[in-house]
Structures are given as C-alpha cells and as structure tokens.
Amino acid sequence: MTGSRPDGTRPAPSRVHPERRRRHTLYFLEHAARQRPVHLDTDIDMTRIEAHRAAARATGLRYSVVTYLLHATGRVLRRHPEANAALVPARLFGLRGPRTVRFAEVTAKLALDRTVGGERTVLSALLPALESAGLDDIQQRVDRYRGPGTEELPEFRGVRLLGRLPVPLGRLAFAAALRDPRRRPEIFGTVAVSSLGHRPVDGFHSSGGTAVTLNAGRVADRPVVRDGQLAVAPVMRLGLTFDHRVIDGATAADVLGDLKDALEGFDDGAEEDGTQLLARGAGSDLRP
C-alpha cells in the first residue's frame, strides 16, 4: 500500500545521506556500547560561581561555566584515582581477570558542537593536567577550541582521517588506537565533560567512553531553601554517568557529592590570578 497526499500527488522520495563527517562519532558509539552505564544527578547552587563570574566581567575577563566545572573536576578526581581510570579487559582466554589502569593525570574530553564541511558534528578536545590547572589556563584552552577554524586544528587530524577512510579501515584504525588502555588519556581522556547549558536543557545523561562522564545543563533561577527560608538562586543540574565495570555506585556518589561541594563552595581565593582577589567574598553572604 502506498500513501499519497490529499491532492493525489505522491510524496517526494526519501534520500539516503552518507555519514562521513560523523563517522568518528559512530565508531565511538560502537565502542561505548560495551560500557555498563549508570546515571546519577544533583542540583548545584551556582551562587558563588555566578558572583565570581560577575566580578571577573567587571575587570574585562570572561569565564564560562564549563571552565569552573573542569577546574573542579581536576581537583575532585585527583582525590578519587579509582574513578580516573579505565578497564583493562580480561585476556588469555579469561585466565587473567579484568583489571583497571589508574591514570596519573586528569585529562578531560570536552565535547564541542562544531560545523565541519557544512555539517554539524561533535568534536572532542582534550585538556590534560586539570588537577593543577588554574581558571585562566583552562579558559584559554577552552577558548582556543571554541574559536573559528577548530576543525582544522592539528589535534583533529585523526578525526579528519577517519572521515576519509573506507568504513572497514576506519573501524580497524579506531580499534587499534584503543588497544592499549594506557593510551586512553591521549585519545579519550580520562573523564568526559559535556554541556548543553546554552540551550533550555535542564539535565541530560550521556556516556563518553570514560569511567565518569559529566553532563551540565543550563543555569536558571530556581527556588531553594536556606536556613528554613525560601529563596531564589541560580541552579545548574549536573548529571554523572559512570561505567559500572570500573567503579561502583558509592564511589560515583562520592565523586558527585565532592563536585557539588567544590562548585557550591567555590573558593575565590584559591587562585592567585588577581581576579580571584577582586571577587573574594562576592558571594560569601549568599551561602554558608
């Protein structure tokens, strides 16, 4: 049975669209399907951070929300090395059981919404050594990846190559790059971070191929209770997806709780970059 429009004409035929610019994403999803994702989330009171951002803007500096999240992530995962890890699959026909490799540095894989060759796609930028990086350093790296011509940066040469290779060779190349778990930081990072806060998205969950994936929604004014009194505060929903093969729920909950504490209790004197000193105490009267 074929359908037709009310005027008797037939609809235009569907068109098959070959996915070339997004091949790296599809190869990645085939890999990520092996994970055992579990999802957690919490609300973050962003009062201190929004106060610091406002004080920075007054001095001509701009910090994005994701920069604060990356800053906190590096410090929190340094305290939880078991979550800054990857699974080493069982080998020798199962005689050697599964193990995990714990990484010395925290390397974030930051998802970027970019247009490549006229097509919208996701690129992933790697930001290493977050455990010791300051806000200014992180923001400079984020700005570099969010600037014009991102897709032509040398870091994304591999992505461009995957789009040109025949599919069987592309799959083999992707699998070969991931064969040694110790190389994961330079390919996948050790923690994935994604944000949709630029759109009216409150919360979401995704699995970034790492032991922990963080997903930030928008910052919006919401009712909160402080000292038994109703108030309005800027709140952000933060989702955490963890690979149950690497860590258990209690550890993941500790990581999420520490991230909440780090963001809500942002110490604006922890960075000696001048801006922090200008903003010192800007939000101290808003949170205990």
Protein backbone atom coordinates (compact mmCIF):
# COMPACT_ATOMS: atom_id res chain seq x y z
CA MET A 1 0.00 0.00 0.00
CA THR A 2 1.42 3.40 -0.92
CA GLY A 3 0.48 6.69 0.63
CA SER A 4 -0.49 9.83 -1.17
CA ARG A 5 -1.24 13.42 -0.28
CA PRO A 6 -4.81 14.78 -0.14
CA ASP A 7 -4.30 16.34 -3.56
CA GLY A 8 -3.41 12.95 -5.02
CA THR A 9 0.28 13.63 -5.55
CA ARG A 10 2.92 11.26 -4.23
CA PRO A 11 5.40 12.45 -1.61
CA ALA A 12 8.97 13.09 -2.62
CA PRO A 13 11.19 10.02 -2.20
CA SER A 14 13.41 9.76 0.88
CA ARG A 15 17.08 10.47 0.37
CA VAL A 16 19.87 8.37 1.84
CA HIS A 17 22.52 10.63 3.39
CA PRO A 18 26.02 9.13 3.73
CA GLU A 19 27.52 9.98 7.14
CA ARG A 20 31.12 11.00 6.57
CA ARG A 21 31.71 13.90 8.95
CA ARG A 22 30.19 11.92 11.84
CA ARG A 23 31.93 8.62 11.24
CA HIS A 24 34.23 9.13 14.23
CA THR A 25 31.14 9.51 16.43
CA LEU A 26 29.57 6.32 15.08
CA TYR A 27 32.80 4.34 15.59
CA PHE A 28 32.97 5.70 19.12
CA LEU A 29 29.38 4.68 19.87
CA GLU A 30 30.15 1.13 18.78
CA HIS A 31 32.95 1.11 21.35
CA ALA A 32 30.91 2.82 24.08
CA ALA A 33 28.16 0.19 23.74
CA ARG A 34 30.40 -2.12 25.79
CA GLN A 35 30.07 0.08 28.84
CA ARG A 36 27.62 -0.57 31.67
CA PRO A 37 26.38 2.98 32.30
CA VAL A 38 24.57 4.05 35.47
CA HIS A 39 23.22 7.59 35.86
CA LEU A 40 23.22 9.97 38.83
CA ASP A 41 22.42 13.68 39.05
CA THR A 42 22.19 16.54 41.50
CA ASP A 43 21.41 20.26 41.59
CA ILE A 44 24.27 22.71 42.04
CA ASP A 45 23.70 26.12 43.65
CA MET A 46 25.82 28.35 41.42
CA THR A 47 25.60 31.49 43.57
CA ARG A 48 29.30 31.73 44.37
CA ILE A 49 30.36 30.97 40.82
CA GLU A 50 27.92 33.45 39.29
CA ALA A 51 29.20 36.10 41.72
CA HIS A 52 32.77 35.35 40.69
CA ARG A 53 31.87 35.49 37.01
CA ALA A 54 30.24 38.89 37.50
CA ALA A 55 33.30 40.23 39.34
CA ALA A 56 35.56 38.91 36.57
CA ARG A 57 33.44 40.56 33.86
CA ALA A 58 33.83 43.86 35.69
CA THR A 59 37.60 43.54 35.14
CA GLY A 60 37.23 42.58 31.47
CA LEU A 61 37.65 38.83 31.93
CA ARG A 62 35.19 36.11 30.97
CA TYR A 63 34.93 32.64 32.43
CA SER A 64 32.47 30.09 31.07
CA VAL A 65 30.51 27.81 33.37
CA VAL A 66 32.21 24.75 31.88
CA THR A 67 35.58 26.19 32.91
CA TYR A 68 34.56 26.05 36.57
CA LEU A 69 33.30 22.51 36.09
CA LEU A 70 36.61 21.46 34.52
CA HIS A 71 38.50 23.20 37.33
CA ALA A 72 36.53 21.32 39.98
CA THR A 73 36.71 18.02 38.08
CA GLY A 74 40.51 18.00 38.04
CA ARG A 75 40.74 18.52 41.78
CA VAL A 76 38.00 16.06 42.68
CA LEU A 77 39.30 13.22 40.52
CA ARG A 78 42.78 13.73 41.93
CA ARG A 79 41.21 12.73 45.26
CA HIS A 80 39.43 9.77 43.64
CA PRO A 81 42.05 8.00 41.49
CA GLU A 82 39.84 4.91 41.27
CA ALA A 83 37.40 6.99 39.19
CA ASN A 84 40.17 8.41 36.98
CA ALA A 85 40.71 5.00 35.44
CA ALA A 86 39.89 2.62 32.60
CA LEU A 87 39.12 -1.08 32.40
CA VAL A 88 41.75 -3.48 31.12
CA PRO A 89 39.74 -6.34 29.58
CA ALA A 90 40.37 -9.93 30.62
CA ARG A 91 42.87 -11.70 28.39
CA LEU A 92 44.49 -15.10 27.82
CA PHE A 93 41.11 -16.70 27.26
CA GLY A 94 39.86 -15.36 30.57
CA LEU A 95 42.75 -16.76 32.65
CA ARG A 96 43.81 -13.23 33.55
CA GLY A 97 40.95 -11.40 35.16
CA PRO A 98 39.88 -7.82 34.44
CA ARG A 99 41.98 -5.02 35.88
CA THR A 100 41.86 -1.25 35.88
CA VAL A 101 44.60 1.20 34.99
CA ARG A 102 44.65 4.40 37.06
CA PHE A 103 45.98 7.49 35.36
CA ALA A 104 48.44 9.93 36.89
CA GLU A 105 46.81 12.99 35.30
CA VAL A 106 43.21 14.10 34.90
CA THR A 107 42.52 14.68 31.19
CA ALA A 108 39.08 15.93 30.23
CA LYS A 109 37.49 15.12 26.90
CA LEU A 110 35.35 18.18 26.21
CA ALA A 111 32.54 17.75 23.67
CA LEU A 112 32.29 20.59 21.13
CA ASP A 113 29.38 21.33 18.81
CA ARG A 114 31.07 22.36 15.57
CA THR A 115 30.32 22.56 11.85
CA VAL A 116 32.72 20.58 9.67
CA GLY A 117 32.42 20.74 5.90
CA GLY A 118 28.97 22.28 6.19
CA GLU A 119 27.70 19.52 8.50
CA ARG A 120 27.06 19.79 12.22
CA THR A 121 29.08 17.31 14.24
CA VAL A 122 30.76 16.75 17.61
CA LEU A 123 34.49 17.19 18.10
CA SER A 124 36.22 16.22 21.32
CA ALA A 125 39.01 18.40 22.68
CA LEU A 126 41.46 17.02 25.24
CA LEU A 127 42.52 19.15 28.22
CA PRO A 128 45.29 17.38 30.19
CA ALA A 129 46.67 18.02 33.68
CA LEU A 130 43.45 19.54 35.02
CA GLU A 131 44.38 18.62 38.58
CA SER A 132 46.82 21.53 38.67
CA ALA A 133 45.42 23.92 36.02
CA GLY A 134 44.11 27.32 37.04
CA LEU A 135 40.97 29.01 35.78
CA ASP A 136 42.82 31.26 33.36
CA ASP A 137 44.74 28.38 31.83
CA ILE A 138 41.59 26.31 31.42
CA GLN A 139 39.63 29.20 29.92
CA GLN A 140 42.38 29.92 27.40
CA ARG A 141 42.32 26.30 26.25
CA VAL A 142 38.52 26.25 26.05
CA ASP A 143 38.55 29.48 24.01
CA ARG A 144 41.07 28.02 21.58
CA TYR A 145 38.82 25.06 20.87
CA ARG A 146 35.68 27.17 20.63
CA GLY A 147 37.21 29.68 18.23
CA PRO A 148 36.85 29.75 14.43
CA GLY A 149 38.53 27.04 12.39
CA THR A 150 38.54 24.49 15.22
CA GLU A 151 38.09 21.61 12.80
CA GLU A 152 41.40 22.48 11.11
CA LEU A 153 43.49 22.28 14.28
CA PRO A 154 46.20 19.59 14.21
CA GLU A 155 44.59 17.84 17.19
CA PHE A 156 41.70 16.78 14.96
CA ARG A 157 43.80 15.33 12.15
CA GLY A 158 42.77 11.83 13.21
CA VAL A 159 39.08 12.74 13.05
CA ARG A 160 39.50 14.10 9.54
CA LEU A 161 41.31 10.92 8.52
CA LEU A 162 38.53 8.69 9.88
CA GLY A 163 36.05 10.57 7.70
CA ARG A 164 38.10 9.83 4.58
CA LEU A 165 38.99 6.18 5.19
CA PRO A 166 36.75 3.40 3.90
CA VAL A 167 34.49 2.21 6.71
CA PRO A 168 36.25 -1.16 7.33
CA LEU A 169 39.63 0.55 7.58
CA GLY A 170 38.18 3.30 9.75
CA ARG A 171 36.83 0.76 12.22
CA LEU A 172 40.17 -1.04 12.33
CA ALA A 173 42.08 2.20 12.85
CA PHE A 174 39.75 3.26 15.66
CA ALA A 175 40.05 -0.12 17.40
CA ALA A 176 43.84 -0.14 17.00
CA ALA A 177 44.13 3.27 18.66
CA LEU A 178 42.28 1.96 21.72
CA ARG A 179 44.08 -1.38 22.01
CA ASP A 180 46.42 -0.21 24.78
CA PRO A 181 44.40 1.17 27.73
CA ARG A 182 47.40 3.20 28.86
CA ARG A 183 46.97 5.34 25.74
CA ARG A 184 43.39 6.25 26.61
CA PRO A 185 44.24 9.72 28.03
CA GLU A 186 45.65 10.88 24.69
CA ILE A 187 42.65 9.53 22.76
CA PHE A 188 39.59 9.51 25.03
CA GLY A 189 40.81 11.49 28.00
CA THR A 190 40.18 10.13 31.49
CA VAL A 191 36.87 11.93 32.11
CA ALA A 192 34.29 13.20 29.62
CA VAL A 193 32.57 16.57 30.02
CA SER A 194 29.61 17.80 28.01
CA SER A 195 27.39 20.87 28.37
CA LEU A 196 24.08 21.85 26.80
CA GLY A 197 23.67 24.88 29.02
CA HIS A 198 23.48 27.21 26.04
CA ARG A 199 20.03 25.77 25.28
CA PRO A 200 16.92 25.37 27.50
CA VAL A 201 18.11 21.95 28.71
CA ASP A 202 17.88 21.33 32.44
CA GLY A 203 19.56 17.95 32.58
CA PHE A 204 20.75 15.07 30.41
CA HIS A 205 22.92 11.97 30.53
CA SER A 206 25.46 10.62 28.07
CA SER A 207 28.26 8.08 28.18
CA GLY A 208 31.56 9.49 26.99
CA GLY A 209 33.56 6.25 26.90
CA THR A 210 35.30 7.08 30.19
CA ALA A 211 34.77 5.82 33.74
CA VAL A 212 32.96 9.09 34.55
CA THR A 213 31.05 11.40 32.22
CA LEU A 214 29.76 14.77 33.46
CA ASN A 215 26.78 16.48 31.83
CA ALA A 216 25.94 20.09 32.64
CA GLY A 217 22.57 21.68 31.94
CA ARG A 218 21.67 25.35 31.95
CA VAL A 219 21.96 27.70 34.91
CA ALA A 220 18.49 29.01 35.77
CA ASP A 221 16.92 30.79 38.73
CA ARG A 222 15.10 28.26 40.90
CA PRO A 223 13.61 28.17 44.39
CA VAL A 224 15.96 26.90 47.11
CA VAL A 225 15.68 26.60 50.88
CA ARG A 226 18.33 28.24 53.06
CA ASP A 227 18.11 28.12 56.83
CA GLY A 228 14.48 27.11 56.52
CA GLN A 229 13.64 30.10 54.31
CA LEU A 230 12.61 30.02 50.66
CA ALA A 231 14.95 31.92 48.35
CA VAL A 232 15.80 32.15 44.65
CA ALA A 233 19.23 31.10 43.40
CA PRO A 234 20.97 30.25 40.12
CA VAL A 235 20.92 26.44 39.92
CA MET A 236 22.51 24.02 37.48
CA ARG A 237 21.62 20.34 37.11
CA LEU A 238 24.74 18.19 36.92
CA GLY A 239 24.48 14.63 35.63
CA LEU A 240 27.11 11.98 36.23
CA THR A 241 27.21 8.76 34.23
CA PHE A 242 29.64 6.11 35.43
CA ASP A 243 30.81 2.84 33.95
CA HIS A 244 29.86 0.17 36.49
CA ARG A 245 32.67 -2.03 35.21
CA VAL A 246 35.21 0.46 36.60
CA ILE A 247 33.63 1.86 39.77
CA ASP A 248 30.61 1.19 41.96
CA GLY A 249 27.72 3.46 42.84
CA ALA A 250 29.09 4.52 46.23
CA THR A 251 32.30 5.83 44.67
CA ALA A 252 30.37 7.60 41.91
CA ALA A 253 28.11 9.21 44.53
CA ASP A 254 31.20 10.40 46.43
CA VAL A 255 32.59 11.96 43.25
CA LEU A 256 29.32 13.72 42.51
CA GLY A 257 29.00 14.90 46.09
CA ASP A 258 32.54 16.28 46.08
CA LEU A 259 31.88 18.07 42.79
CA LYS A 260 28.77 19.63 44.29
CA ASP A 261 30.75 20.79 47.34
CA ALA A 262 33.58 22.15 45.17
CA LEU A 263 31.25 24.13 42.91
CA GLU A 264 28.88 25.41 45.57
CA GLY A 265 31.73 26.30 47.92
CA PHE A 266 33.94 27.70 45.18
CA ASP A 267 36.95 29.24 46.89
CA ASP A 268 37.52 32.51 45.12
CA GLY A 269 40.84 32.95 46.92
CA ALA A 270 42.27 29.63 45.78
CA GLU A 271 43.63 31.08 42.53
CA GLU A 272 46.25 33.81 42.69
CA ASP A 273 45.37 35.49 39.43
CA GLY A 274 44.14 38.86 40.61
CA THR A 275 40.58 38.25 39.50
CA GLN A 276 40.03 35.87 42.39
CA LEU A 277 41.20 38.53 44.83
CA LEU A 278 38.82 41.09 43.32
CA ALA A 279 35.98 38.64 43.67
CA ARG A 280 36.89 37.48 47.17
CA GLY A 281 33.80 37.42 49.30
CA ALA A 282 31.49 38.45 46.47
CA GLY A 283 29.11 35.61 47.26
CA SER A 284 30.08 34.84 50.83
CA ASP A 285 26.92 36.31 52.23
CA LEU A 286 24.74 34.16 49.98
CA ARG A 287 25.90 30.72 51.10
CA PRO A 288 27.18 29.47 54.44
